[in-house]
Amino acid sequence: MKERVKMIVDLKGKLILAILIFTLPIFVQMLYWKVYSGNWFLFTYGAQERFFFNDPQIANLLFSFRKGWFIYTPIMAFILIGIPYLKKSGSSLFLFSVLFFSVNVYILSSWWDWGFGGSFGCRAIIQHYAFFVFGLASFLSLVFNLFKNAVMLNTVIRIFICSLFTYLIILNYNLSWKFKYSIVHYNSMTKEAFMYVL
């Protein structure tokens, strides 16, 4: 911790420059609001569009046939298996991954429209894939090294996992294609409709 604080103090000029660069787009947006509305802050969503933190739709966000993340992008379910392995492998990413996943899912599922409008699957979570990849990489590391000494078994497991992942990627691509041509509805899918389309 002392080394990190010392590094921040030593790089204070670069840190100040980074903060200024980071805040510049925020200031431009606020200036735009001030010029056109007279207020520095403007809530553009309206009264009904808000978060409902006391009623998060976590199960719907993850498993609903309407827009469920793991239904339309099932390969991402493997991050849940990989995150606990981060702790076993001694990675410092375990706590970050658990907190980031939990807070992210809670906040997104608390939005008034947890399906996030007319889109394919759970579009609101896509920008967080860069952080979820740690859990996925951890899962792959776990299964690829499960039977290090049994070469044949390890090879079979690798072929199975690669085949499974290939199938899940093709499935996601296929569903995306069906969404593009309105075979998968943008907001009203049901279990029956999903199974029929599948």
N, C-alpha and C. Protein backbone atom coordinates (compact mmCIF):
# COMPACT_ATOMS: atom_id res chain seq x y z
N MET A 1 0.84 -1.19 0.00
CA MET A 1 0.00 0.00 0.00
C MET A 1 0.88 1.26 0.00
N LYS A 2 1.95 1.23 0.79
CA LYS A 2 2.86 2.37 0.84
C LYS A 2 3.47 2.65 -0.52
N GLU A 3 3.83 1.57 -1.23
CA GLU A 3 4.42 1.73 -2.56
C GLU A 3 3.43 2.35 -3.54
N ARG A 4 2.17 1.94 -3.44
CA ARG A 4 1.15 2.50 -4.35
C ARG A 4 0.91 3.98 -4.05
N VAL A 5 0.84 4.34 -2.78
CA VAL A 5 0.66 5.75 -2.41
C VAL A 5 1.85 6.57 -2.89
N LYS A 6 3.07 6.04 -2.70
CA LYS A 6 4.28 6.73 -3.16
C LYS A 6 4.26 6.90 -4.67
N MET A 7 3.82 5.87 -5.39
CA MET A 7 3.75 5.95 -6.84
C MET A 7 2.76 7.04 -7.27
N ILE A 8 1.60 7.12 -6.60
CA ILE A 8 0.61 8.14 -6.93
C ILE A 8 1.17 9.54 -6.67
N VAL A 9 1.87 9.71 -5.55
CA VAL A 9 2.47 11.01 -5.23
C VAL A 9 3.53 11.37 -6.26
N ASP A 10 4.35 10.38 -6.65
CA ASP A 10 5.40 10.64 -7.64
C ASP A 10 4.83 10.99 -9.01
N LEU A 11 3.67 10.46 -9.32
CA LEU A 11 3.06 10.70 -10.63
C LEU A 11 1.91 11.70 -10.56
N LYS A 12 1.94 12.60 -9.57
CA LYS A 12 0.81 13.50 -9.37
C LYS A 12 0.54 14.40 -10.58
N GLY A 13 1.57 14.80 -11.30
CA GLY A 13 1.36 15.62 -12.49
C GLY A 13 0.58 14.87 -13.56
N LYS A 14 0.96 13.62 -13.80
CA LYS A 14 0.26 12.80 -14.77
C LYS A 14 -1.15 12.47 -14.28
N LEU A 15 -1.30 12.29 -12.98
CA LEU A 15 -2.61 12.00 -12.40
C LEU A 15 -3.55 13.19 -12.59
N ILE A 16 -3.06 14.39 -12.34
CA ILE A 16 -3.88 15.59 -12.53
C ILE A 16 -4.27 15.74 -14.00
N LEU A 17 -3.34 15.49 -14.91
CA LEU A 17 -3.64 15.55 -16.34
C LEU A 17 -4.70 14.51 -16.71
N ALA A 18 -4.59 13.31 -16.17
CA ALA A 18 -5.56 12.25 -16.46
C ALA A 18 -6.95 12.63 -15.94
N ILE A 19 -7.01 13.23 -14.76
CA ILE A 19 -8.30 13.67 -14.21
C ILE A 19 -8.91 14.75 -15.08
N LEU A 20 -8.09 15.70 -15.55
CA LEU A 20 -8.60 16.76 -16.43
C LEU A 20 -9.12 16.18 -17.74
N ILE A 21 -8.39 15.26 -18.33
CA ILE A 21 -8.83 14.63 -19.57
C ILE A 21 -10.12 13.84 -19.35
N PHE A 22 -10.21 13.16 -18.20
CA PHE A 22 -11.40 12.38 -17.88
C PHE A 22 -12.63 13.26 -17.69
N THR A 23 -12.45 14.41 -17.04
CA THR A 23 -13.60 15.28 -16.74
C THR A 23 -13.99 16.19 -17.91
N LEU A 24 -13.15 16.33 -18.90
CA LEU A 24 -13.45 17.21 -20.03
C LEU A 24 -14.76 16.83 -20.73
N PRO A 25 -14.98 15.56 -21.12
CA PRO A 25 -16.27 15.23 -21.76
C PRO A 25 -17.47 15.45 -20.84
N ILE A 26 -17.29 15.21 -19.55
CA ILE A 26 -18.38 15.44 -18.59
C ILE A 26 -18.71 16.93 -18.54
N PHE A 27 -17.68 17.77 -18.51
CA PHE A 27 -17.89 19.21 -18.49
C PHE A 27 -18.58 19.69 -19.77
N VAL A 28 -18.19 19.14 -20.92
CA VAL A 28 -18.82 19.52 -22.19
C VAL A 28 -20.31 19.18 -22.16
N GLN A 29 -20.66 18.01 -21.65
CA GLN A 29 -22.07 17.62 -21.55
C GLN A 29 -22.82 18.58 -20.61
N MET A 30 -22.21 18.88 -19.47
CA MET A 30 -22.86 19.80 -18.52
C MET A 30 -23.01 21.20 -19.11
N LEU A 31 -22.02 21.63 -19.86
CA LEU A 31 -22.09 22.95 -20.52
C LEU A 31 -23.23 22.97 -21.54
N TYR A 32 -23.39 21.88 -22.27
CA TYR A 32 -24.48 21.76 -23.23
C TYR A 32 -25.83 21.89 -22.52
N TRP A 33 -25.99 21.17 -21.39
CA TRP A 33 -27.23 21.27 -20.62
C TRP A 33 -27.46 22.70 -20.14
N LYS A 34 -26.41 23.36 -19.66
CA LYS A 34 -26.53 24.72 -19.13
C LYS A 34 -26.97 25.68 -20.23
N VAL A 35 -26.37 25.55 -21.41
CA VAL A 35 -26.69 26.46 -22.52
C VAL A 35 -28.14 26.29 -22.98
N TYR A 36 -28.60 25.05 -23.09
CA TYR A 36 -29.91 24.79 -23.67
C TYR A 36 -31.05 24.64 -22.67
N SER A 37 -30.73 24.41 -21.39
CA SER A 37 -31.82 24.28 -20.42
C SER A 37 -31.70 25.26 -19.25
N GLY A 38 -30.54 25.86 -19.09
CA GLY A 38 -30.33 26.77 -17.98
C GLY A 38 -29.88 26.05 -16.71
N ASN A 39 -29.77 24.73 -16.74
CA ASN A 39 -29.33 23.94 -15.58
C ASN A 39 -28.06 23.18 -15.90
N TRP A 40 -27.18 23.07 -14.90
CA TRP A 40 -25.95 22.31 -15.10
C TRP A 40 -26.22 20.81 -15.16
N PHE A 41 -27.25 20.37 -14.45
CA PHE A 41 -27.63 18.94 -14.46
C PHE A 41 -29.05 18.83 -14.98
N LEU A 42 -29.27 17.87 -15.87
CA LEU A 42 -30.59 17.69 -16.47
C LEU A 42 -30.91 16.21 -16.51
N PHE A 43 -32.00 15.83 -15.84
CA PHE A 43 -32.44 14.44 -15.86
C PHE A 43 -33.30 14.25 -17.10
N THR A 44 -32.79 13.52 -18.08
CA THR A 44 -33.44 13.44 -19.39
C THR A 44 -34.36 12.24 -19.55
N TYR A 45 -34.50 11.42 -18.54
CA TYR A 45 -35.29 10.20 -18.69
C TYR A 45 -36.78 10.36 -18.40
N GLY A 46 -37.17 11.30 -17.60
CA GLY A 46 -38.58 11.44 -17.24
C GLY A 46 -38.86 10.80 -15.89
N ALA A 47 -40.04 11.03 -15.38
CA ALA A 47 -40.37 10.60 -14.01
C ALA A 47 -40.51 9.10 -13.86
N GLN A 48 -41.02 8.40 -14.89
CA GLN A 48 -41.26 6.96 -14.74
C GLN A 48 -40.00 6.12 -14.92
N GLU A 49 -39.03 6.62 -15.64
CA GLU A 49 -37.82 5.86 -15.91
C GLU A 49 -36.83 6.06 -14.77
N ARG A 50 -36.74 5.04 -13.92
CA ARG A 50 -35.86 5.15 -12.75
C ARG A 50 -35.49 3.76 -12.27
N PHE A 51 -34.68 3.72 -11.22
CA PHE A 51 -34.28 2.46 -10.62
C PHE A 51 -35.26 2.06 -9.53
N PHE A 52 -35.51 0.77 -9.41
CA PHE A 52 -36.32 0.21 -8.33
C PHE A 52 -35.42 -0.74 -7.54
N PHE A 53 -34.61 -0.14 -6.66
CA PHE A 53 -33.61 -0.93 -5.91
C PHE A 53 -34.24 -1.90 -4.92
N ASN A 54 -35.49 -1.66 -4.54
CA ASN A 54 -36.16 -2.56 -3.61
C ASN A 54 -36.84 -3.73 -4.33
N ASP A 55 -36.80 -3.76 -5.67
CA ASP A 55 -37.43 -4.83 -6.43
C ASP A 55 -36.59 -5.21 -7.66
N PRO A 56 -35.34 -5.65 -7.44
CA PRO A 56 -34.50 -6.01 -8.59
C PRO A 56 -35.03 -7.27 -9.28
N GLN A 57 -34.94 -7.29 -10.58
CA GLN A 57 -35.41 -8.43 -11.39
C GLN A 57 -34.22 -9.30 -11.81
N ILE A 58 -33.48 -9.78 -10.81
CA ILE A 58 -32.24 -10.52 -11.07
C ILE A 58 -32.51 -11.79 -11.87
N ALA A 59 -33.50 -12.58 -11.46
CA ALA A 59 -33.81 -13.83 -12.17
C ALA A 59 -34.21 -13.54 -13.61
N ASN A 60 -35.00 -12.49 -13.83
CA ASN A 60 -35.40 -12.13 -15.19
C ASN A 60 -34.19 -11.69 -16.02
N LEU A 61 -33.34 -10.85 -15.44
CA LEU A 61 -32.18 -10.36 -16.15
C LEU A 61 -31.28 -11.51 -16.60
N LEU A 62 -31.15 -12.53 -15.78
CA LEU A 62 -30.23 -13.63 -16.08
C LEU A 62 -30.88 -14.79 -16.83
N PHE A 63 -32.16 -15.12 -16.51
CA PHE A 63 -32.73 -16.37 -16.99
C PHE A 63 -34.05 -16.26 -17.75
N SER A 64 -34.57 -15.07 -17.95
CA SER A 64 -35.86 -14.91 -18.62
C SER A 64 -35.75 -15.23 -20.11
N PHE A 65 -36.77 -15.88 -20.65
CA PHE A 65 -36.80 -16.13 -22.08
C PHE A 65 -37.07 -14.84 -22.85
N ARG A 66 -37.53 -13.82 -22.16
CA ARG A 66 -37.76 -12.54 -22.82
C ARG A 66 -36.43 -11.90 -23.21
N LYS A 67 -35.48 -11.83 -22.27
CA LYS A 67 -34.20 -11.17 -22.53
C LYS A 67 -33.04 -11.75 -21.71
N GLY A 68 -33.22 -12.87 -21.06
CA GLY A 68 -32.23 -13.38 -20.12
C GLY A 68 -30.83 -13.54 -20.69
N TRP A 69 -29.87 -13.03 -19.96
CA TRP A 69 -28.47 -13.03 -20.40
C TRP A 69 -27.98 -14.45 -20.66
N PHE A 70 -28.22 -15.36 -19.73
CA PHE A 70 -27.72 -16.73 -19.89
C PHE A 70 -28.55 -17.54 -20.89
N ILE A 71 -29.74 -17.08 -21.23
CA ILE A 71 -30.55 -17.76 -22.24
C ILE A 71 -30.03 -17.42 -23.65
N TYR A 72 -29.75 -16.15 -23.89
CA TYR A 72 -29.34 -15.71 -25.21
C TYR A 72 -27.82 -15.71 -25.41
N THR A 73 -27.06 -15.75 -24.33
CA THR A 73 -25.60 -15.85 -24.40
C THR A 73 -25.15 -16.89 -23.36
N PRO A 74 -25.49 -18.15 -23.58
CA PRO A 74 -25.25 -19.17 -22.54
C PRO A 74 -23.78 -19.42 -22.22
N ILE A 75 -22.89 -19.08 -23.12
CA ILE A 75 -21.47 -19.29 -22.85
C ILE A 75 -21.01 -18.48 -21.63
N MET A 76 -21.69 -17.36 -21.37
CA MET A 76 -21.29 -16.51 -20.25
C MET A 76 -21.65 -17.11 -18.89
N ALA A 77 -22.47 -18.15 -18.86
CA ALA A 77 -22.78 -18.82 -17.59
C ALA A 77 -21.53 -19.45 -16.98
N PHE A 78 -20.54 -19.73 -17.80
CA PHE A 78 -19.32 -20.37 -17.30
C PHE A 78 -18.48 -19.43 -16.44
N ILE A 79 -18.76 -18.13 -16.51
CA ILE A 79 -18.03 -17.22 -15.62
C ILE A 79 -18.39 -17.49 -14.17
N LEU A 80 -19.63 -17.93 -13.93
CA LEU A 80 -20.04 -18.22 -12.55
C LEU A 80 -19.29 -19.41 -11.97
N ILE A 81 -18.90 -20.34 -12.83
CA ILE A 81 -18.09 -21.47 -12.38
C ILE A 81 -16.65 -21.03 -12.18
N GLY A 82 -16.17 -20.14 -13.02
CA GLY A 82 -14.77 -19.71 -12.97
C GLY A 82 -14.44 -18.74 -11.86
N ILE A 83 -15.39 -17.91 -11.45
CA ILE A 83 -15.10 -16.90 -10.42
C ILE A 83 -14.64 -17.53 -9.11
N PRO A 84 -15.32 -18.57 -8.58
CA PRO A 84 -14.81 -19.18 -7.34
C PRO A 84 -13.41 -19.77 -7.49
N TYR A 85 -13.08 -20.25 -8.68
CA TYR A 85 -11.75 -20.81 -8.91
C TYR A 85 -10.67 -19.73 -8.85
N LEU A 86 -11.03 -18.47 -9.11
CA LEU A 86 -10.07 -17.38 -8.97
C LEU A 86 -9.52 -17.34 -7.55
N LYS A 87 -10.37 -17.62 -6.57
CA LYS A 87 -9.94 -17.62 -5.17
C LYS A 87 -8.99 -18.79 -4.90
N LYS A 88 -9.34 -19.96 -5.44
CA LYS A 88 -8.52 -21.15 -5.22
C LYS A 88 -7.16 -21.02 -5.89
N SER A 89 -7.12 -20.33 -7.01
CA SER A 89 -5.84 -20.18 -7.71
C SER A 89 -5.00 -19.05 -7.12
N GLY A 90 -5.53 -18.36 -6.10
CA GLY A 90 -4.77 -17.32 -5.42
C GLY A 90 -4.79 -15.98 -6.13
N SER A 91 -5.68 -15.82 -7.08
CA SER A 91 -5.73 -14.58 -7.82
C SER A 91 -6.35 -13.46 -6.98
N SER A 92 -5.80 -12.28 -7.14
CA SER A 92 -6.35 -11.12 -6.44
C SER A 92 -7.61 -10.61 -7.14
N LEU A 93 -7.99 -11.23 -8.25
CA LEU A 93 -9.17 -10.81 -8.99
C LEU A 93 -10.46 -11.40 -8.43
N PHE A 94 -10.37 -12.33 -7.48
CA PHE A 94 -11.56 -13.00 -6.98
C PHE A 94 -12.54 -11.99 -6.36
N LEU A 95 -12.09 -11.22 -5.39
CA LEU A 95 -12.97 -10.27 -4.71
C LEU A 95 -13.53 -9.24 -5.69
N PHE A 96 -12.67 -8.73 -6.56
CA PHE A 96 -13.12 -7.77 -7.57
C PHE A 96 -14.21 -8.39 -8.44
N SER A 97 -14.00 -9.62 -8.92
CA SER A 97 -14.96 -10.27 -9.81
C SER A 97 -16.29 -10.51 -9.13
N VAL A 98 -16.26 -10.96 -7.88
CA VAL A 98 -17.51 -11.20 -7.14
C VAL A 98 -18.26 -9.89 -6.95
N LEU A 99 -17.57 -8.86 -6.50
CA LEU A 99 -18.23 -7.57 -6.25
C LEU A 99 -18.72 -6.94 -7.56
N PHE A 100 -17.89 -6.97 -8.58
CA PHE A 100 -18.28 -6.35 -9.85
C PHE A 100 -19.49 -7.06 -10.44
N PHE A 101 -19.48 -8.39 -10.45
CA PHE A 101 -20.61 -9.13 -10.99
C PHE A 101 -21.88 -8.85 -10.18
N SER A 102 -21.78 -8.93 -8.85
CA SER A 102 -22.94 -8.76 -7.98
C SER A 102 -23.54 -7.36 -8.10
N VAL A 103 -22.70 -6.35 -8.00
CA VAL A 103 -23.18 -4.97 -8.07
C VAL A 103 -23.74 -4.67 -9.46
N ASN A 104 -23.06 -5.12 -10.48
CA ASN A 104 -23.49 -4.89 -11.85
C ASN A 104 -24.87 -5.49 -12.11
N VAL A 105 -25.03 -6.76 -11.76
CA VAL A 105 -26.31 -7.43 -11.97
C VAL A 105 -27.41 -6.78 -11.14
N TYR A 106 -27.10 -6.41 -9.90
CA TYR A 106 -28.10 -5.78 -9.04
C TYR A 106 -28.57 -4.43 -9.63
N ILE A 107 -27.63 -3.61 -10.04
CA ILE A 107 -28.00 -2.29 -10.58
C ILE A 107 -28.78 -2.44 -11.89
N LEU A 108 -28.29 -3.27 -12.80
CA LEU A 108 -28.99 -3.44 -14.09
C LEU A 108 -30.37 -4.03 -13.92
N SER A 109 -30.53 -4.95 -12.97
CA SER A 109 -31.84 -5.57 -12.77
C SER A 109 -32.79 -4.67 -11.99
N SER A 110 -32.30 -3.59 -11.46
CA SER A 110 -33.14 -2.64 -10.73
C SER A 110 -33.70 -1.53 -11.62
N TRP A 111 -33.20 -1.43 -12.85
CA TRP A 111 -33.70 -0.42 -13.77
C TRP A 111 -35.16 -0.74 -14.11
N TRP A 112 -35.98 0.28 -14.29
CA TRP A 112 -37.43 0.08 -14.49
C TRP A 112 -37.72 -0.86 -15.66
N ASP A 113 -36.92 -0.81 -16.71
CA ASP A 113 -37.07 -1.71 -17.85
C ASP A 113 -35.85 -2.63 -17.88
N TRP A 114 -35.89 -3.68 -17.07
CA TRP A 114 -34.73 -4.57 -16.94
C TRP A 114 -34.38 -5.23 -18.28
N GLY A 115 -35.29 -5.23 -19.26
CA GLY A 115 -35.02 -5.78 -20.58
C GLY A 115 -34.31 -4.79 -21.50
N PHE A 116 -34.27 -3.53 -21.11
CA PHE A 116 -33.58 -2.45 -21.82
C PHE A 116 -34.04 -2.30 -23.26
N GLY A 117 -35.36 -2.30 -23.45
CA GLY A 117 -35.94 -1.94 -24.74
C GLY A 117 -35.79 -2.97 -25.83
N GLY A 118 -35.91 -2.51 -27.06
CA GLY A 118 -35.90 -3.39 -28.22
C GLY A 118 -34.49 -3.79 -28.62
N SER A 119 -34.04 -4.90 -28.09
CA SER A 119 -32.68 -5.35 -28.40
C SER A 119 -32.62 -6.87 -28.32
N PHE A 120 -31.50 -7.41 -28.71
CA PHE A 120 -31.27 -8.84 -28.63
C PHE A 120 -30.65 -9.18 -27.29
N GLY A 121 -31.31 -10.00 -26.50
CA GLY A 121 -30.75 -10.42 -25.21
C GLY A 121 -30.54 -9.27 -24.26
N CYS A 122 -29.59 -9.43 -23.39
CA CYS A 122 -29.32 -8.44 -22.34
C CYS A 122 -28.20 -7.50 -22.80
N ARG A 123 -28.56 -6.52 -23.62
CA ARG A 123 -27.56 -5.64 -24.21
C ARG A 123 -26.84 -4.76 -23.19
N ALA A 124 -27.47 -4.49 -22.06
CA ALA A 124 -26.89 -3.58 -21.07
C ALA A 124 -25.64 -4.14 -20.41
N ILE A 125 -25.44 -5.43 -20.51
CA ILE A 125 -24.31 -6.05 -19.82
C ILE A 125 -23.09 -6.23 -20.72
N ILE A 126 -23.27 -6.01 -22.01
CA ILE A 126 -22.19 -6.28 -22.98
C ILE A 126 -20.93 -5.46 -22.69
N GLN A 127 -21.08 -4.21 -22.33
CA GLN A 127 -19.89 -3.37 -22.11
C GLN A 127 -19.06 -3.81 -20.91
N HIS A 128 -19.58 -4.76 -20.13
CA HIS A 128 -18.83 -5.26 -18.97
C HIS A 128 -18.12 -6.58 -19.24
N TYR A 129 -18.19 -7.08 -20.45
CA TYR A 129 -17.56 -8.36 -20.78
C TYR A 129 -16.06 -8.36 -20.51
N ALA A 130 -15.42 -7.22 -20.69
CA ALA A 130 -13.97 -7.16 -20.45
C ALA A 130 -13.63 -7.53 -19.01
N PHE A 131 -14.53 -7.27 -18.08
CA PHE A 131 -14.28 -7.64 -16.68
C PHE A 131 -14.72 -9.07 -16.39
N PHE A 132 -15.76 -9.53 -17.07
CA PHE A 132 -16.26 -10.89 -16.84
C PHE A 132 -15.34 -11.94 -17.44
N VAL A 133 -14.45 -11.53 -18.33
CA VAL A 133 -13.57 -12.49 -18.99
C VAL A 133 -12.63 -13.17 -17.99
N PHE A 134 -12.36 -12.53 -16.85
CA PHE A 134 -11.50 -13.16 -15.85
C PHE A 134 -12.10 -14.45 -15.34
N GLY A 135 -13.40 -14.45 -15.08
CA GLY A 135 -14.08 -15.66 -14.63
C GLY A 135 -14.10 -16.72 -15.71
N LEU A 136 -14.30 -16.32 -16.95
CA LEU A 136 -14.30 -17.26 -18.06
C LEU A 136 -12.91 -17.87 -18.26
N ALA A 137 -11.89 -17.05 -18.20
CA ALA A 137 -10.51 -17.55 -18.32
C ALA A 137 -10.17 -18.49 -17.17
N SER A 138 -10.67 -18.16 -15.99
CA SER A 138 -10.44 -19.02 -14.82
C SER A 138 -11.10 -20.38 -15.01
N PHE A 139 -12.32 -20.39 -15.57
CA PHE A 139 -12.99 -21.66 -15.86
C PHE A 139 -12.18 -22.49 -16.83
N LEU A 140 -11.71 -21.87 -17.91
CA LEU A 140 -10.93 -22.60 -18.90
C LEU A 140 -9.63 -23.13 -18.31
N SER A 141 -9.00 -22.33 -17.48
CA SER A 141 -7.78 -22.79 -16.80
C SER A 141 -8.07 -23.98 -15.90
N LEU A 142 -9.19 -23.94 -15.22
CA LEU A 142 -9.59 -25.04 -14.34
C LEU A 142 -9.78 -26.34 -15.12
N VAL A 143 -10.59 -26.31 -16.17
CA VAL A 143 -10.89 -27.55 -16.88
C VAL A 143 -9.73 -28.02 -17.74
N PHE A 144 -8.93 -27.11 -18.27
CA PHE A 144 -7.80 -27.54 -19.10
C PHE A 144 -6.67 -28.13 -18.27
N ASN A 145 -6.65 -27.84 -16.97
CA ASN A 145 -5.60 -28.37 -16.11
C ASN A 145 -6.13 -29.34 -15.06
N LEU A 146 -7.35 -29.79 -15.24
CA LEU A 146 -7.99 -30.67 -14.26
C LEU A 146 -7.26 -32.01 -14.13
N PHE A 147 -6.89 -32.59 -15.24
CA PHE A 147 -6.20 -33.88 -15.24
C PHE A 147 -4.88 -33.76 -15.97
N LYS A 148 -3.95 -33.01 -15.39
CA LYS A 148 -2.66 -32.76 -16.04
C LYS A 148 -1.90 -34.06 -16.32
N ASN A 149 -1.97 -34.98 -15.39
CA ASN A 149 -1.19 -36.22 -15.51
C ASN A 149 -1.83 -37.23 -16.45
N ALA A 150 -3.12 -37.14 -16.68
CA ALA A 150 -3.81 -38.06 -17.58
C ALA A 150 -3.98 -37.36 -18.93
N VAL A 151 -2.99 -37.52 -19.78
CA VAL A 151 -2.94 -36.78 -21.05
C VAL A 151 -4.17 -37.06 -21.92
N MET A 152 -4.54 -38.32 -22.02
CA MET A 152 -5.68 -38.68 -22.88
C MET A 152 -6.98 -38.05 -22.35
N LEU A 153 -7.20 -38.17 -21.05
CA LEU A 153 -8.41 -37.59 -20.44
C LEU A 153 -8.41 -36.08 -20.59
N ASN A 154 -7.27 -35.47 -20.37
CA ASN A 154 -7.14 -34.01 -20.51
C ASN A 154 -7.46 -33.59 -21.95
N THR A 155 -6.99 -34.35 -22.92
CA THR A 155 -7.26 -34.06 -24.33
C THR A 155 -8.75 -34.18 -24.63
N VAL A 156 -9.39 -35.22 -24.11
CA VAL A 156 -10.82 -35.41 -24.33
C VAL A 156 -11.61 -34.25 -23.73
N ILE A 157 -11.24 -33.83 -22.52
CA ILE A 157 -11.93 -32.71 -21.87
C ILE A 157 -11.75 -31.43 -22.68
N ARG A 158 -10.55 -31.19 -23.16
CA ARG A 158 -10.30 -29.98 -23.96
C ARG A 158 -11.13 -29.99 -25.24
N ILE A 159 -11.17 -31.14 -25.91
CA ILE A 159 -11.96 -31.25 -27.13
C ILE A 159 -13.44 -31.03 -26.82
N PHE A 160 -13.93 -31.60 -25.71
CA PHE A 160 -15.34 -31.43 -25.33
C PHE A 160 -15.66 -29.97 -25.05
N ILE A 161 -14.82 -29.31 -24.25
CA ILE A 161 -15.07 -27.90 -23.89
C ILE A 161 -14.98 -27.01 -25.13
N CYS A 162 -13.99 -27.23 -25.98
CA CYS A 162 -13.88 -26.43 -27.20
C CYS A 162 -15.09 -26.67 -28.11
N SER A 163 -15.55 -27.92 -28.20
CA SER A 163 -16.74 -28.23 -29.01
C SER A 163 -17.98 -27.56 -28.42
N LEU A 164 -18.12 -27.65 -27.09
CA LEU A 164 -19.25 -27.02 -26.42
C LEU A 164 -19.25 -25.51 -26.64
N PHE A 165 -18.10 -24.88 -26.47
CA PHE A 165 -18.01 -23.44 -26.67
C PHE A 165 -18.28 -23.07 -28.12
N THR A 166 -17.80 -23.87 -29.06
CA THR A 166 -18.09 -23.63 -30.47
C THR A 166 -19.59 -23.70 -30.73
N TYR A 167 -20.24 -24.71 -30.17
CA TYR A 167 -21.69 -24.85 -30.32
C TYR A 167 -22.41 -23.64 -29.73
N LEU A 168 -22.01 -23.20 -28.54
CA LEU A 168 -22.68 -22.07 -27.89
C LEU A 168 -22.47 -20.77 -28.66
N ILE A 169 -21.30 -20.60 -29.26
CA ILE A 169 -21.04 -19.42 -30.09
C ILE A 169 -21.92 -19.45 -31.34
N ILE A 170 -22.01 -20.63 -31.97
CA ILE A 170 -22.86 -20.78 -33.16
C ILE A 170 -24.33 -20.54 -32.79
N LEU A 171 -24.75 -21.06 -31.64
CA LEU A 171 -26.13 -20.84 -31.17
C LEU A 171 -26.41 -19.35 -31.00
N ASN A 172 -25.48 -18.63 -30.37
CA ASN A 172 -25.65 -17.19 -30.18
C ASN A 172 -25.69 -16.47 -31.52
N TYR A 173 -24.84 -16.86 -32.42
CA TYR A 173 -24.82 -16.25 -33.76
C TYR A 173 -26.15 -16.52 -34.47
N ASN A 174 -26.63 -17.76 -34.38
CA ASN A 174 -27.88 -18.15 -35.02
C ASN A 174 -29.05 -17.34 -34.47
N LEU A 175 -29.09 -17.18 -33.14
CA LEU A 175 -30.16 -16.38 -32.53
C LEU A 175 -30.05 -14.92 -32.93
N SER A 176 -28.81 -14.42 -33.04
CA SER A 176 -28.61 -13.03 -33.47
C SER A 176 -29.12 -12.84 -34.90
N TRP A 177 -28.85 -13.81 -35.76
CA TRP A 177 -29.32 -13.75 -37.14
C TRP A 177 -30.84 -13.75 -37.16
N LYS A 178 -31.46 -14.60 -36.34
CA LYS A 178 -32.93 -14.66 -36.28
C LYS A 178 -33.51 -13.36 -35.73
N PHE A 179 -32.79 -12.72 -34.81
CA PHE A 179 -33.22 -11.42 -34.30
C PHE A 179 -33.18 -10.38 -35.43
N LYS A 180 -32.11 -10.42 -36.21
CA LYS A 180 -31.95 -9.45 -37.31
C LYS A 180 -33.13 -9.52 -38.27
N TYR A 181 -33.65 -10.72 -38.51
CA TYR A 181 -34.75 -10.89 -39.45
C TYR A 181 -36.11 -11.06 -38.75
N SER A 182 -36.19 -10.56 -37.51
CA SER A 182 -37.44 -10.51 -36.72
C SER A 182 -38.07 -11.87 -36.46
N ILE A 183 -37.27 -12.92 -36.47
CA ILE A 183 -37.76 -14.23 -36.09
C ILE A 183 -37.75 -14.33 -34.56
N VAL A 184 -36.72 -13.76 -33.96
CA VAL A 184 -36.67 -13.57 -32.51
C VAL A 184 -37.18 -12.16 -32.26
N HIS A 185 -38.25 -12.04 -31.48
CA HIS A 185 -38.84 -10.73 -31.24
C HIS A 185 -37.94 -9.89 -30.33
N TYR A 186 -37.94 -8.59 -30.56
CA TYR A 186 -37.06 -7.69 -29.82
C TYR A 186 -37.45 -7.48 -28.36
N ASN A 187 -38.70 -7.85 -27.97
CA ASN A 187 -39.09 -7.56 -26.59
C ASN A 187 -40.14 -8.52 -26.03
N SER A 188 -40.68 -9.41 -26.81
CA SER A 188 -41.82 -10.20 -26.34
C SER A 188 -41.62 -11.71 -26.45
N MET A 189 -40.40 -12.17 -26.35
CA MET A 189 -40.17 -13.61 -26.43
C MET A 189 -40.71 -14.31 -25.18
N THR A 190 -41.23 -15.52 -25.39
CA THR A 190 -41.69 -16.38 -24.29
C THR A 190 -40.93 -17.70 -24.40
N LYS A 191 -41.10 -18.54 -23.42
CA LYS A 191 -40.44 -19.85 -23.46
C LYS A 191 -40.91 -20.64 -24.68
N GLU A 192 -42.21 -20.62 -24.93
CA GLU A 192 -42.76 -21.35 -26.07
C GLU A 192 -42.22 -20.81 -27.39
N ALA A 193 -42.19 -19.49 -27.53
CA ALA A 193 -41.68 -18.88 -28.75
C ALA A 193 -40.19 -19.18 -28.93
N PHE A 194 -39.44 -19.13 -27.83
CA PHE A 194 -38.01 -19.39 -27.89
C PHE A 194 -37.75 -20.83 -28.33
N MET A 195 -38.48 -21.79 -27.74
CA MET A 195 -38.30 -23.19 -28.09
C MET A 195 -38.69 -23.44 -29.55
N TYR A 196 -39.73 -22.78 -30.02
CA TYR A 196 -40.16 -22.92 -31.40
C TYR A 196 -39.09 -22.39 -32.36
N VAL A 197 -38.55 -21.21 -32.05
CA VAL A 197 -37.53 -20.58 -32.87
C VAL A 197 -36.24 -21.40 -32.84
N LEU A 198 -35.95 -21.96 -31.68
CA LEU A 198 -34.72 -22.74 -31.52
C LEU A 198 -34.74 -23.95 -32.42
